[in-house]
C-alpha atoms as a PDB file:
ATOM      1  CA  MET A   1       0.000   0.000   0.000  1.00  0.00           C
ATOM      2  CA  PRO A   2       1.381   3.455  -0.936  1.00  0.00           C
ATOM      3  CA  LEU A   3       2.476   5.611   1.970  1.00  0.00           C
ATOM      4  CA  ASN A   4      -0.012   8.390   1.153  1.00  0.00           C
ATOM      5  CA  GLU A   5      -2.908   5.923   1.121  1.00  0.00           C
ATOM      6  CA  ALA A   6      -1.787   4.431   4.465  1.00  0.00           C
ATOM      7  CA  LEU A   7      -1.596   7.891   6.027  1.00  0.00           C
ATOM      8  CA  LYS A   8      -5.041   8.721   4.656  1.00  0.00           C
ATOM      9  CA  GLN A   9      -6.537   5.582   6.230  1.00  0.00           C
ATOM     10  CA  LEU A  10      -4.761   6.303   9.512  1.00  0.00           C
ATOM     11  CA  ARG A  11      -6.199   9.830   9.647  1.00  0.00           C
ATOM     12  CA  SER A  12      -9.642   8.427   8.833  1.00  0.00           C
ATOM     13  CA  ARG A  13      -9.404   5.951  11.734  1.00  0.00           C
ATOM     14  CA  GLU A  14      -8.225   8.719  14.064  1.00  0.00           C
ATOM     15  CA  ASP A  15     -11.209  10.861  13.028  1.00  0.00           C
ATOM     16  CA  GLU A  16     -13.577   7.955  13.663  1.00  0.00           C
ATOM     17  CA  LEU A  17     -12.049   7.346  17.107  1.00  0.00           C
ATOM     18  CA  ALA A  18     -12.333  11.035  17.998  1.00  0.00           C
ATOM     19  CA  ARG A  19     -15.981  11.024  16.899  1.00  0.00           C
ATOM     20  CA  VAL A  20     -16.764   7.990  19.034  1.00  0.00           C
ATOM     21  CA  GLN A  21     -15.098   9.672  22.024  1.00  0.00           C
ATOM     22  CA  ARG A  22     -17.121  12.851  21.501  1.00  0.00           C
ATOM     23  CA  ILE A  23     -20.386  10.910  21.266  1.00  0.00           C
ATOM     24  CA  GLY A  24     -19.583   8.855  24.355  1.00  0.00           C
ATOM     25  CA  GLN A  25     -18.164  11.834  26.270  1.00  0.00           C
ATOM     26  CA  ILE A  26     -14.898   9.950  26.722  1.00  0.00           C
ATOM     27  CA  GLY A  27     -11.552  11.698  26.935  1.00  0.00           C
ATOM     28  CA  GLY A  28      -8.183   9.990  26.555  1.00  0.00           C
ATOM     29  CA  LEU A  29      -5.097  10.792  28.603  1.00  0.00           C
ATOM     30  CA  GLU A  30      -1.512   9.755  29.171  1.00  0.00           C
ATOM     31  CA  VAL A  31       0.593  10.512  32.250  1.00  0.00           C
ATOM     32  CA  ASP A  32       4.357  10.062  32.293  1.00  0.00           C
ATOM     33  CA  LEU A  33       5.121   8.627  35.745  1.00  0.00           C
ATOM     34  CA  ARG A  34       8.894   8.231  35.469  1.00  0.00           C
ATOM     35  CA  GLU A  35      11.062   9.725  38.215  1.00  0.00           C
ATOM     36  CA  GLY A  36       7.984  10.632  40.235  1.00  0.00           C
ATOM     37  CA  ALA A  37       6.908  13.289  37.749  1.00  0.00           C
ATOM     38  CA  PHE A  38       3.375  13.580  36.415  1.00  0.00           C
ATOM     39  CA  ARG A  39       3.699  14.936  32.889  1.00  0.00           C
ATOM     40  CA  ASN A  40       0.268  14.962  31.272  1.00  0.00           C
ATOM     41  CA  GLN A  41      -0.995  14.620  27.722  1.00  0.00           C
ATOM     42  CA  ARG A  42      -4.757  15.242  27.311  1.00  0.00           C
ATOM     43  CA  SER A  43      -6.814  14.505  24.197  1.00  0.00           C
ATOM     44  CA  PRO A  44      -9.163  17.154  22.726  1.00  0.00           C
ATOM     45  CA  GLU A  45     -12.108  15.077  23.940  1.00  0.00           C
ATOM     46  CA  TYR A  46     -10.659  15.078  27.485  1.00  0.00           C
ATOM     47  CA  LEU A  47     -10.396  18.861  27.346  1.00  0.00           C
ATOM     48  CA  ALA A  48     -14.044  19.089  26.251  1.00  0.00           C
ATOM     49  CA  VAL A  49     -15.227  16.808  29.076  1.00  0.00           C
ATOM     50  CA  HIS A  50     -13.278  18.816  31.666  1.00  0.00           C
ATOM     51  CA  GLY A  51     -14.176  22.210  30.215  1.00  0.00           C
ATOM     52  CA  LEU A  52     -10.557  23.134  29.444  1.00  0.00           C
ATOM     53  CA  PRO A  53      -9.107  25.294  26.644  1.00  0.00           C
ATOM     54  CA  ALA A  54      -7.099  23.771  23.806  1.00  0.00           C
ATOM     55  CA  ASP A  55      -3.792  24.966  25.278  1.00  0.00           C
ATOM     56  CA  ALA A  56      -4.353  22.857  28.437  1.00  0.00           C
ATOM     57  CA  ALA A  57      -3.352  19.601  26.731  1.00  0.00           C
ATOM     58  CA  ASN A  58      -0.231  19.460  28.911  1.00  0.00           C
ATOM     59  CA  GLU A  59      -1.739  20.814  32.112  1.00  0.00           C
ATOM     60  CA  SER A  60       0.090  20.290  35.375  1.00  0.00           C
ATOM     61  CA  HIS A  61      -0.799  17.665  37.951  1.00  0.00           C
ATOM     62  CA  GLU A  62      -1.671  20.484  40.364  1.00  0.00           C
ATOM     63  CA  ALA A  63      -4.194  21.912  37.886  1.00  0.00           C
ATOM     64  CA  TRP A  64      -6.006  18.564  37.756  1.00  0.00           C
ATOM     65  CA  VAL A  65      -6.020  18.351  41.564  1.00  0.00           C
ATOM     66  CA  ALA A  66      -7.434  21.876  41.871  1.00  0.00           C
ATOM     67  CA  ARG A  67     -10.313  20.968  39.542  1.00  0.00           C
ATOM     68  CA  ILE A  68     -11.478  18.066  41.745  1.00  0.00           C
ATOM     69  CA  HIS A  69     -14.440  18.865  43.954  1.00  0.00           C
ATOM     70  CA  PRO A  70     -13.219  19.808  47.471  1.00  0.00           C
ATOM     71  CA  GLU A  71     -15.290  17.023  49.083  1.00  0.00           C
ATOM     72  CA  ASP A  72     -13.657  14.391  46.850  1.00  0.00           C
ATOM     73  CA  ARG A  73     -10.145  15.807  46.534  1.00  0.00           C
ATOM     74  CA  ASP A  74      -8.318  14.106  49.408  1.00  0.00           C
ATOM     75  CA  ARG A  75      -9.856  10.721  48.610  1.00  0.00           C
ATOM     76  CA  VAL A  76      -9.042  10.893  44.895  1.00  0.00           C
ATOM     77  CA  VAL A  77      -5.503  12.240  45.251  1.00  0.00           C
ATOM     78  CA  SER A  78      -4.687   9.665  47.919  1.00  0.00           C
ATOM     79  CA  HIS A  79      -6.090   6.840  45.776  1.00  0.00           C
ATOM     80  CA  PHE A  80      -4.090   8.016  42.744  1.00  0.00           C
ATOM     81  CA  GLN A  81      -0.832   8.206  44.704  1.00  0.00           C
ATOM     82  CA  GLN A  82      -1.390   4.811  46.342  1.00  0.00           C
ATOM     83  CA  SER A  83      -2.097   3.218  42.965  1.00  0.00           C
ATOM     84  CA  VAL A  84       1.093   4.651  41.495  1.00  0.00           C
ATOM     85  CA  ASP A  85       3.220   3.712  44.515  1.00  0.00           C
ATOM     86  CA  SER A  86       1.918   0.145  44.655  1.00  0.00           C
ATOM     87  CA  PHE A  87       2.320  -2.628  42.080  1.00  0.00           C
ATOM     88  CA  ASP A  88      -1.214  -2.185  40.720  1.00  0.00           C
ATOM     89  CA  THR A  89      -1.704  -2.075  36.982  1.00  0.00           C
ATOM     90  CA  ASP A  90      -5.409  -1.132  37.035  1.00  0.00           C
ATOM     91  CA  TYR A  91      -6.685   2.235  38.189  1.00  0.00           C
ATOM     92  CA  GLU A  92     -10.337   3.246  38.599  1.00  0.00           C
ATOM     93  CA  VAL A  93     -12.128   5.958  40.554  1.00  0.00           C
ATOM     94  CA  GLU A  94     -15.294   8.066  40.418  1.00  0.00           C
ATOM     95  CA  TYR A  95     -15.311  11.694  41.530  1.00  0.00           C
ATOM     96  CA  ARG A  96     -16.665  15.159  40.844  1.00  0.00           C
ATOM     97  CA  ILE A  97     -14.951  18.039  39.115  1.00  0.00           C
ATOM     98  CA  ILE A  98     -15.844  21.717  38.859  1.00  0.00           C
ATOM     99  CA  ARG A  99     -15.336  22.721  35.235  1.00  0.00           C
ATOM    100  CA  PRO A 100     -13.438  25.986  34.753  1.00  0.00           C
ATOM    101  CA  SER A 101     -15.339  26.814  31.545  1.00  0.00           C
ATOM    102  CA  ASP A 102     -18.848  27.044  33.066  1.00  0.00           C
ATOM    103  CA  GLY A 103     -18.542  26.266  36.793  1.00  0.00           C
ATOM    104  CA  GLU A 104     -20.638  23.116  36.390  1.00  0.00           C
ATOM    105  CA  THR A 105     -20.112  20.140  38.664  1.00  0.00           C
ATOM    106  CA  ARG A 106     -19.638  16.956  36.622  1.00  0.00           C
ATOM    107  CA  TRP A 107     -19.124  13.331  37.626  1.00  0.00           C
ATOM    108  CA  ILE A 108     -16.089  11.585  36.116  1.00  0.00           C
ATOM    109  CA  LEU A 109     -15.300   7.868  35.891  1.00  0.00           C
ATOM    110  CA  ALA A 110     -11.545   7.475  35.448  1.00  0.00           C
ATOM    111  CA  LYS A 111     -10.298   4.099  34.180  1.00  0.00           C
ATOM    112  CA  ALA A 112      -6.677   3.455  33.304  1.00  0.00           C
ATOM    113  CA  GLU A 113      -3.794   1.010  33.069  1.00  0.00           C
ATOM    114  CA  ILE A 114      -0.439   1.647  34.707  1.00  0.00           C
ATOM    115  CA  GLN A 115       2.576   0.424  32.746  1.00  0.00           C
ATOM    116  CA  ARG A 116       5.526  -0.715  34.864  1.00  0.00           C
ATOM    117  CA  ASP A 117       9.085  -1.884  34.246  1.00  0.00           C
ATOM    118  CA  ASP A 118      10.467  -5.273  35.258  1.00  0.00           C
ATOM    119  CA  LEU A 119      11.038  -4.007  38.813  1.00  0.00           C
ATOM    120  CA  GLY A 120       7.489  -2.749  39.136  1.00  0.00           C
ATOM    121  CA  LYS A 121       8.361   0.933  38.893  1.00  0.00           C
ATOM    122  CA  PRO A 122       5.639   3.040  37.218  1.00  0.00           C
ATOM    123  CA  ILE A 123       6.346   4.239  33.686  1.00  0.00           C
ATOM    124  CA  LYS A 124       3.127   5.505  32.187  1.00  0.00           C
ATOM    125  CA  LEU A 125      -0.600   5.722  32.921  1.00  0.00           C
ATOM    126  CA  ILE A 126      -2.885   5.381  29.904  1.00  0.00           C
ATOM    127  CA  GLY A 127      -6.609   5.731  30.335  1.00  0.00           C
ATOM    128  CA  ALA A 128      -9.907   7.453  29.771  1.00  0.00           C
ATOM    129  CA  HIS A 129     -12.152   9.884  31.610  1.00  0.00           C
ATOM    130  CA  ILE A 130     -15.858   9.286  31.064  1.00  0.00           C
ATOM    131  CA  ASP A 131     -18.545  11.848  31.899  1.00  0.00           C
ATOM    132  CA  ILE A 132     -21.093   9.876  33.973  1.00  0.00           C
ATOM    133  CA  THR A 133     -23.045  12.869  35.262  1.00  0.00           C
ATOM    134  CA  ALA A 134     -26.322  11.687  33.709  1.00  0.00           C
ATOM    135  CA  ARG A 135     -25.972   8.260  35.314  1.00  0.00           C
ATOM    136  CA  ARG A 136     -25.127   9.638  38.752  1.00  0.00           C
ATOM    137  CA  THR A 137     -28.001  12.136  38.550  1.00  0.00           C
ATOM    138  CA  ALA A 138     -30.414   9.312  37.722  1.00  0.00           C
ATOM    139  CA  GLU A 139     -29.061   7.273  40.657  1.00  0.00           C
ATOM    140  CA  GLU A 140     -29.533  10.218  43.024  1.00  0.00           C
ATOM    141  CA  GLN A 141     -33.109  10.674  41.797  1.00  0.00           C
ATOM    142  CA  ARG A 142     -33.850   6.983  42.349  1.00  0.00           C
ATOM    143  CA  GLU A 143     -32.406   7.189  45.865  1.00  0.00           C
ATOM    144  CA  LEU A 144     -34.531  10.264  46.577  1.00  0.00           C
ATOM    145  CA  ILE A 145     -37.664   8.440  45.390  1.00  0.00           C
ATOM    146  CA  ALA A 146     -36.705   5.379  47.449  1.00  0.00           C
ATOM    147  CA  ARG A 147     -36.290   7.494  50.605  1.00  0.00           C
ATOM    148  CA  GLU A 148     -39.621   9.188  49.974  1.00  0.00           C
ATOM    149  CA  LEU A 149     -41.271   5.814  49.410  1.00  0.00           C
ATOM    150  CA  GLN A 150     -39.695   4.471  52.582  1.00  0.00           C
ATOM    151  CA  HIS A 151     -41.016   7.475  54.510  1.00  0.00           C
ATOM    152  CA  ARG A 152     -44.550   7.063  53.137  1.00  0.00           C
ATOM    153  CA  ILE A 153     -44.595   3.328  53.770  1.00  0.00           C
ATOM    154  CA  GLY A 154     -43.376   3.966  57.315  1.00  0.00           C
ATOM    155  CA  ASN A 155     -46.269   6.364  57.863  1.00  0.00           C
ATOM    156  CA  ILE A 156     -48.747   3.765  56.592  1.00  0.00           C
ATOM    157  CA  PHE A 157     -47.363   1.106  58.931  1.00  0.00           C
ATOM    158  CA  SER A 158     -47.525   3.546  61.857  1.00  0.00           C
ATOM    159  CA  VAL A 159     -51.147   4.495  61.118  1.00  0.00           C
ATOM    160  CA  VAL A 160     -52.259   0.861  60.750  1.00  0.00           C
ATOM    161  CA  SER A 161     -50.458  -0.172  63.946  1.00  0.00           C
ATOM    162  CA  SER A 162     -52.053   2.729  65.829  1.00  0.00           C
ATOM    163  CA  LEU A 163     -55.516   1.752  64.600  1.00  0.00           C
ATOM    164  CA  ILE A 164     -54.960  -1.835  65.758  1.00  0.00           C
ATOM    165  CA  SER A 165     -53.738  -0.640  69.173  1.00  0.00           C
ATOM    166  CA  MET A 166     -56.769   1.642  69.565  1.00  0.00           C
ATOM    167  CA  GLY A 167     -59.098  -1.223  68.666  1.00  0.00           C
ATOM    168  CA  ALA A 168     -57.374  -3.536  71.158  1.00  0.00           C
ATOM    169  CA  ARG A 169     -57.856  -1.037  73.982  1.00  0.00           C
ATOM    170  CA  ALA A 170     -61.579  -1.097  73.294  1.00  0.00           C
ATOM    171  CA  GLU A 171     -61.565  -4.915  73.208  1.00  0.00           C
ATOM    172  CA  PRO A 172     -59.136  -6.159  75.900  1.00  0.00           C
ATOM    173  CA  ALA A 173     -59.754  -9.773  74.929  1.00  0.00           C
ATOM    174  CA  ALA A 174     -58.147  -9.060  71.556  1.00  0.00           C
ATOM    175  CA  ALA A 175     -54.996  -7.497  73.027  1.00  0.00           C
ATOM    176  CA  LYS A 176     -52.788 -10.553  72.498  1.00  0.00           C
ATOM    177  CA  PHE A 177     -53.945 -10.962  68.919  1.00  0.00           C
ATOM    178  CA  ALA A 178     -53.375  -7.248  68.287  1.00  0.00           C
ATOM    179  CA  ASP A 179     -49.822  -7.500  69.633  1.00  0.00           C
ATOM    180  CA  GLU A 180     -49.104 -10.361  67.240  1.00  0.00           C
ATOM    181  CA  ILE A 181     -50.476  -8.408  64.287  1.00  0.00           C
ATOM    182  CA  ILE A 182     -48.404  -5.353  65.201  1.00  0.00           C
ATOM    183  CA  GLY A 183     -45.349  -7.574  65.500  1.00  0.00           C
ATOM    184  CA  ARG A 184     -45.860  -8.881  61.968  1.00  0.00           C
ATOM    185  CA  LEU A 185     -46.351  -5.348  60.657  1.00  0.00           C
ATOM    186  CA  THR A 186     -43.143  -4.281  62.370  1.00  0.00           C
ATOM    187  CA  ALA A 187     -41.312  -7.181  60.731  1.00  0.00           C
ATOM    188  CA  LEU A 188     -42.642  -6.251  57.318  1.00  0.00           C
ATOM    189  CA  HIS A 189     -41.758  -2.594  57.879  1.00  0.00           C
ATOM    190  CA  ARG A 190     -38.222  -3.634  58.803  1.00  0.00           C
ATOM    191  CA  ALA A 191     -37.962  -5.646  55.580  1.00  0.00           C
ATOM    192  CA  HIS A 192     -39.033  -2.665  53.500  1.00  0.00           C
ATOM    193  CA  GLY A 193     -36.506  -0.487  55.298  1.00  0.00           C
ATOM    194  CA  ILE A 194     -33.658  -2.893  54.567  1.00  0.00           C
ATOM    195  CA  VAL A 195     -34.570  -3.217  50.902  1.00  0.00           C
ATOM    196  CA  LEU A 196     -35.110   0.491  50.270  1.00  0.00           C
ATOM    197  CA  ASP A 197     -32.139   1.764  52.284  1.00  0.00           C
ATOM    198  CA  LYS A 198     -29.402   2.881  49.880  1.00  0.00           C
ATOM    199  CA  ASN A 199     -27.157   4.546  52.423  1.00  0.00           C
ATOM    200  CA  GLY A 200     -25.331   1.458  53.627  1.00  0.00           C
ATOM    201  CA  ASP A 201     -22.257  -0.169  52.189  1.00  0.00           C
ATOM    202  CA  GLU A 202     -23.673  -2.594  49.674  1.00  0.00           C
ATOM    203  CA  SER A 203     -20.483  -4.610  49.375  1.00  0.00           C
ATOM    204  CA  SER A 204     -20.520  -5.462  53.097  1.00  0.00           C
ATOM    205  CA  ASP A 205     -23.991  -7.062  53.187  1.00  0.00           C
ATOM    206  CA  ASN A 206     -24.204 -10.844  53.287  1.00  0.00           C
ATOM    207  CA  LEU A 207     -27.119 -13.248  53.224  1.00  0.00           C
ATOM    208  CA  PRO A 208     -27.057 -14.532  56.848  1.00  0.00           C
ATOM    209  CA  ASP A 209     -26.801 -10.975  58.221  1.00  0.00           C
ATOM    210  CA  LEU A 210     -29.669  -9.779  56.010  1.00  0.00           C
ATOM    211  CA  ILE A 211     -31.868 -12.683  57.096  1.00  0.00           C
ATOM    212  CA  GLY A 212     -30.890 -12.042  60.710  1.00  0.00           C
ATOM    213  CA  ARG A 213     -32.220  -8.491  60.485  1.00  0.00           C
ATOM    214  CA  LEU A 214     -35.396  -9.681  58.768  1.00  0.00           C
ATOM    215  CA  ILE A 215     -36.205 -12.270  61.431  1.00  0.00           C
ATOM    216  CA  ALA A 216     -35.221 -10.151  64.458  1.00  0.00           C
ATOM    217  CA  PRO A 217     -38.848  -9.248  65.362  1.00  0.00           C
ATOM    218  CA  TYR A 218     -39.711 -12.962  65.650  1.00  0.00           C
ATOM    219  CA  ASN A 219     -37.060 -13.347  68.368  1.00  0.00           C
ATOM    220  CA  ALA A 220     -38.480 -10.764  70.766  1.00  0.00           C
ATOM    221  CA  GLU A 221     -38.042 -10.938  74.549  1.00  0.00           C
ATOM    222  CA  GLY A 222     -34.941 -13.150  74.366  1.00  0.00           C
ATOM    223  CA  SER A 223     -36.744 -16.125  72.853  1.00  0.00           C
ATOM    224  CA  ILE A 224     -34.918 -17.498  69.783  1.00  0.00           C
ATOM    225  CA  ARG A 225     -37.703 -18.819  67.581  1.00  0.00           C
ATOM    226  CA  ILE A 226     -35.763 -18.462  64.324  1.00  0.00           C
ATOM    227  CA  SER A 227     -31.981 -18.894  64.106  1.00  0.00           C
ATOM    228  CA  VAL A 228     -29.732 -18.366  61.106  1.00  0.00           C
ATOM    229  CA  GLY A 229     -26.173 -19.317  60.238  1.00  0.00           C
ATOM    230  CA  GLY A 230     -23.911 -20.522  57.486  1.00  0.00           C
ATOM    231  CA  ASP A 231     -21.617 -19.078  54.853  1.00  0.00           C
ATOM    232  CA  LYS A 232     -21.206 -15.318  54.441  1.00  0.00           C
ATOM    233  CA  VAL A 233     -22.526 -15.134  50.890  1.00  0.00           C
ATOM    234  CA  ARG A 234     -22.631 -11.615  49.462  1.00  0.00           C
ATOM    235  CA  ILE A 235     -26.066 -10.316  48.441  1.00  0.00           C
ATOM    236  CA  GLY A 236     -26.897  -7.226  46.397  1.00  0.00           C
ATOM    237  CA  ARG A 237     -29.664  -4.714  47.078  1.00  0.00           C
ATOM    238  CA  SER A 238     -31.765  -5.806  44.104  1.00  0.00           C
ATOM    239  CA  SER A 239     -31.866  -9.402  45.355  1.00  0.00           C
ATOM    240  CA  SER A 240     -32.768  -8.298  48.887  1.00  0.00           C
ATOM    241  CA  THR A 241     -36.355  -7.654  47.792  1.00  0.00           C
ATOM    242  CA  SER A 242     -36.871 -11.245  46.692  1.00  0.00           C
ATOM    243  CA  ILE A 243     -35.138 -12.638  49.781  1.00  0.00           C
ATOM    244  CA  ALA A 244     -37.359 -10.491  52.012  1.00  0.00           C
ATOM    245  CA  LEU A 245     -40.480 -11.743  50.232  1.00  0.00           C
ATOM    246  CA  ILE A 246     -39.405 -15.375  50.594  1.00  0.00           C
ATOM    247  CA  ILE A 247     -38.412 -15.155  54.265  1.00  0.00           C
ATOM    248  CA  HIS A 248     -41.557 -13.327  55.321  1.00  0.00           C
ATOM    249  CA  GLU A 249     -43.858 -15.634  53.387  1.00  0.00           C
ATOM    250  CA  LEU A 250     -42.234 -18.670  55.021  1.00  0.00           C
ATOM    251  CA  ALA A 251     -42.340 -17.009  58.454  1.00  0.00           C
ATOM    252  CA  THR A 252     -45.970 -15.968  58.043  1.00  0.00           C
ATOM    253  CA  ASN A 253     -46.974 -19.501  57.087  1.00  0.00           C
ATOM    254  CA  ALA A 254     -44.965 -20.886  60.026  1.00  0.00           C
ATOM    255  CA  VAL A 255     -46.817 -18.527  62.395  1.00  0.00           C
ATOM    256  CA  LYS A 256     -50.188 -19.534  60.966  1.00  0.00           C
ATOM    257  CA  HIS A 257     -49.780 -23.281  60.550  1.00  0.00           C
ATOM    258  CA  GLY A 258     -46.213 -24.403  61.191  1.00  0.00           C
ATOM    259  CA  ALA A 259     -43.542 -24.503  63.875  1.00  0.00           C
ATOM    260  CA  LEU A 260     -44.085 -20.913  65.042  1.00  0.00           C
ATOM    261  CA  SER A 261     -47.796 -21.498  65.701  1.00  0.00           C
ATOM    262  CA  ILE A 262     -47.033 -23.119  69.078  1.00  0.00           C
ATOM    263  CA  PRO A 263     -44.541 -22.102  71.841  1.00  0.00           C
ATOM    264  CA  THR A 264     -42.313 -25.199  71.436  1.00  0.00           C
ATOM    265  CA  GLY A 265     -41.628 -24.766  67.757  1.00  0.00           C
ATOM    266  CA  ASN A 266     -38.590 -23.196  66.131  1.00  0.00           C
ATOM    267  CA  VAL A 267     -36.960 -22.639  62.745  1.00  0.00           C
ATOM    268  CA  ARG A 268     -33.343 -23.048  61.650  1.00  0.00           C
ATOM    269  CA  ILE A 269     -32.108 -21.243  58.515  1.00  0.00           C
ATOM    270  CA  GLU A 270     -28.812 -22.366  56.996  1.00  0.00           C
ATOM    271  CA  VAL A 271     -26.927 -20.711  54.114  1.00  0.00           C
ATOM    272  CA  LYS A 272     -24.520 -22.842  52.085  1.00  0.00           C
ATOM    273  CA  GLY A 273     -22.330 -21.188  49.453  1.00  0.00           C
ATOM    274  CA  SER A 274     -20.583 -23.418  46.947  1.00  0.00           C
ATOM    275  CA  GLY A 275     -19.093 -22.015  43.757  1.00  0.00           C
ATOM    276  CA  GLU A 276     -21.767 -20.853  41.352  1.00  0.00           C
ATOM    277  CA  HIS A 277     -24.664 -21.941  43.563  1.00  0.00           C
ATOM    278  CA  VAL A 278     -26.059 -20.882  46.926  1.00  0.00           C
ATOM    279  CA  VAL A 279     -28.448 -23.049  48.904  1.00  0.00           C
ATOM    280  CA  LEU A 280     -30.757 -21.667  51.606  1.00  0.00           C
ATOM    281  CA  VAL A 281     -32.396 -24.262  53.849  1.00  0.00           C
ATOM    282  CA  TRP A 282     -35.467 -23.431  55.985  1.00  0.00           C
ATOM    283  CA  GLU A 283     -36.115 -26.191  58.551  1.00  0.00           C
ATOM    284  CA  GLU A 284     -39.031 -26.197  61.000  1.00  0.00           C
ATOM    285  CA  ARG A 285     -38.999 -28.366  64.122  1.00  0.00           C
ATOM    286  CA  GLY A 286     -41.111 -28.761  67.272  1.00  0.00           C
ATOM    287  CA  GLY A 287     -44.345 -27.620  65.675  1.00  0.00           C
ATOM    288  CA  PRO A 288     -47.593 -29.453  64.940  1.00  0.00           C
ATOM    289  CA  ALA A 289     -47.274 -32.684  62.983  1.00  0.00           C
ATOM    290  CA  VAL A 290     -47.297 -32.058  59.245  1.00  0.00           C
ATOM    291  CA  VAL A 291     -49.977 -34.116  57.510  1.00  0.00           C
ATOM    292  CA  GLY A 292     -48.955 -33.364  53.934  1.00  0.00           C
ATOM    293  CA  SER A 293     -48.703 -30.608  51.361  1.00  0.00           C
ATOM    294  CA  PRO A 294     -51.564 -28.077  51.081  1.00  0.00           C
ATOM    295  CA  HIS A 295     -54.219 -28.728  48.451  1.00  0.00           C
ATOM    296  CA  ARG A 296     -53.857 -25.291  46.883  1.00  0.00           C
ATOM    297  CA  GLN A 297     -51.165 -22.625  46.606  1.00  0.00           C
ATOM    298  CA  GLY A 298     -52.051 -19.203  47.990  1.00  0.00           C
ATOM    299  CA  PHE A 299     -51.326 -15.848  46.371  1.00  0.00           C
ATOM    300  CA  GLY A 300     -48.303 -15.206  48.614  1.00  0.00           C
ATOM    301  CA  SER A 301     -46.751 -18.555  47.711  1.00  0.00           C
ATOM    302  CA  LEU A 302     -47.286 -17.922  44.014  1.00  0.00           C
ATOM    303  CA  LEU A 303     -45.691 -14.467  44.310  1.00  0.00           C
ATOM    304  CA  VAL A 304     -42.671 -15.871  46.136  1.00  0.00           C
ATOM    305  CA  ASP A 305     -42.242 -18.697  43.645  1.00  0.00           C
ATOM    306  CA  ARG A 306     -42.261 -16.290  40.692  1.00  0.00           C
ATOM    307  CA  ALA A 307     -39.885 -13.828  42.386  1.00  0.00           C
ATOM    308  CA  ALA A 308     -37.486 -16.648  43.260  1.00  0.00           C
ATOM    309  CA  LYS A 309     -37.390 -17.960  39.713  1.00  0.00           C
ATOM    310  CA  ALA A 310     -37.312 -14.649  37.833  1.00  0.00           C
ATOM    311  CA  GLN A 311     -34.982 -12.564  40.028  1.00  0.00           C
ATOM    312  CA  LEU A 312     -32.780 -15.147  41.744  1.00  0.00           C
ATOM    313  CA  GLY A 313     -32.723 -17.965  39.201  1.00  0.00           C
ATOM    314  CA  ALA A 314     -33.858 -20.107  42.147  1.00  0.00           C
ATOM    315  CA  LEU A 315     -35.332 -23.569  42.405  1.00  0.00           C
ATOM    316  CA  MET A 316     -37.533 -24.153  45.488  1.00  0.00           C
ATOM    317  CA  ARG A 317     -38.138 -27.637  46.902  1.00  0.00           C
ATOM    318  CA  PHE A 318     -40.665 -28.328  49.689  1.00  0.00           C
ATOM    319  CA  ASP A 319     -40.385 -31.425  51.890  1.00  0.00           C
ATOM    320  CA  TRP A 320     -43.571 -31.815  53.944  1.00  0.00           C
ATOM    321  CA  ASN A 321     -41.891 -34.005  56.553  1.00  0.00           C
ATOM    322  CA  PRO A 322     -44.144 -35.045  59.477  1.00  0.00           C
ATOM    323  CA  ALA A 323     -41.534 -33.599  61.883  1.00  0.00           C
ATOM    324  CA  GLY A 324     -41.675 -30.210  60.181  1.00  0.00           C
ATOM    325  CA  LEU A 325     -41.522 -28.459  56.836  1.00  0.00           C
ATOM    326  CA  VAL A 326     -38.118 -28.257  55.142  1.00  0.00           C
ATOM    327  CA  VAL A 327     -37.655 -25.835  52.255  1.00  0.00           C
ATOM    328  CA  GLN A 328     -34.515 -25.890  50.113  1.00  0.00           C
ATOM    329  CA  ILE A 329     -33.847 -22.941  47.815  1.00  0.00           C
ATOM    330  CA  GLU A 330     -31.075 -23.272  45.246  1.00  0.00           C
ATOM    331  CA  MET A 331     -29.947 -19.916  43.806  1.00  0.00           C
ATOM    332  CA  SER A 332     -27.413 -18.542  41.368  1.00  0.00           C
ATOM    333  CA  ALA A 333     -24.531 -16.857  43.200  1.00  0.00           C
ATOM    334  CA  ASP A 334     -24.180 -14.340  40.367  1.00  0.00           C
ATOM    335  CA  LYS A 335     -27.829 -13.278  40.498  1.00  0.00           C
ATOM    336  CA  ILE A 336     -28.086 -12.818  44.278  1.00  0.00           C
ATOM    337  CA  GLY A 337     -24.940 -10.682  44.224  1.00  0.00           C
ATOM    338  CA  VAL A 338     -26.685  -8.038  42.121  1.00  0.00           C
END
């Protein structure tokens, strides 16, 4: 191929790449890390994302630091320095900047690779800055709606519980029943709070701990009616909804007809994590003798079965053992981690 034709094709590819970066709001960068210096080379698309003039292609490290939002600055600078000083080859961080061109606050996702020599010393960082402001704004709006929903649901639970308490005062004979109903409402309210709460550290939540918080109201006054243990399998917020539905449907049925319907009964929940699969076992003991499976499936059971299959990739097996119901739920580890 003639040299002129090769150069023409190269320029065409470069133009296509630049167009893709503009459309995706992605800016390329290189940082020379040798001898502890941070000599920068920014692409035109990077300059556009950061609101910088064309002559800022070789901006200083200090200029980049100054552009980082004050609330994120220490975290981001520390993470950058630690990544460079370590033997890491991957670098990723999300943070806000304040653009000099218009004063707007924008969210940036920085992803890069760190090239090192044979001794592990840093040579060059090559990466991309992606404007994720729209995504972060949408996430903040969803969190705001979730908090509002949580607040409204909490008000509904409070009103219903108050109405039950008022009715029980007028009918003292129904006081015990009213207390049980309020206890179930409290448990359900707790489940909604866990599922809708976005303020916690999602990566730290695991299945036994989640179930432990869901069943806490059933273990009031020091009496352990439901116990839980097993492997610390990570669970994501999206999967928490389905787990909450399953646990509360099983607990409600146990209170109505199973082991929790009499004082001597109890339930043991065991979580077993093995590779790609997670198994949750619900075992009832000490309750009324089980005479067989029910003749029909209620609405709650149907809802749980569909949620388990669709959202968790789960297979539920029911063993109507005379000594007590045993439910085995096999789930995909990948799906419950979402």
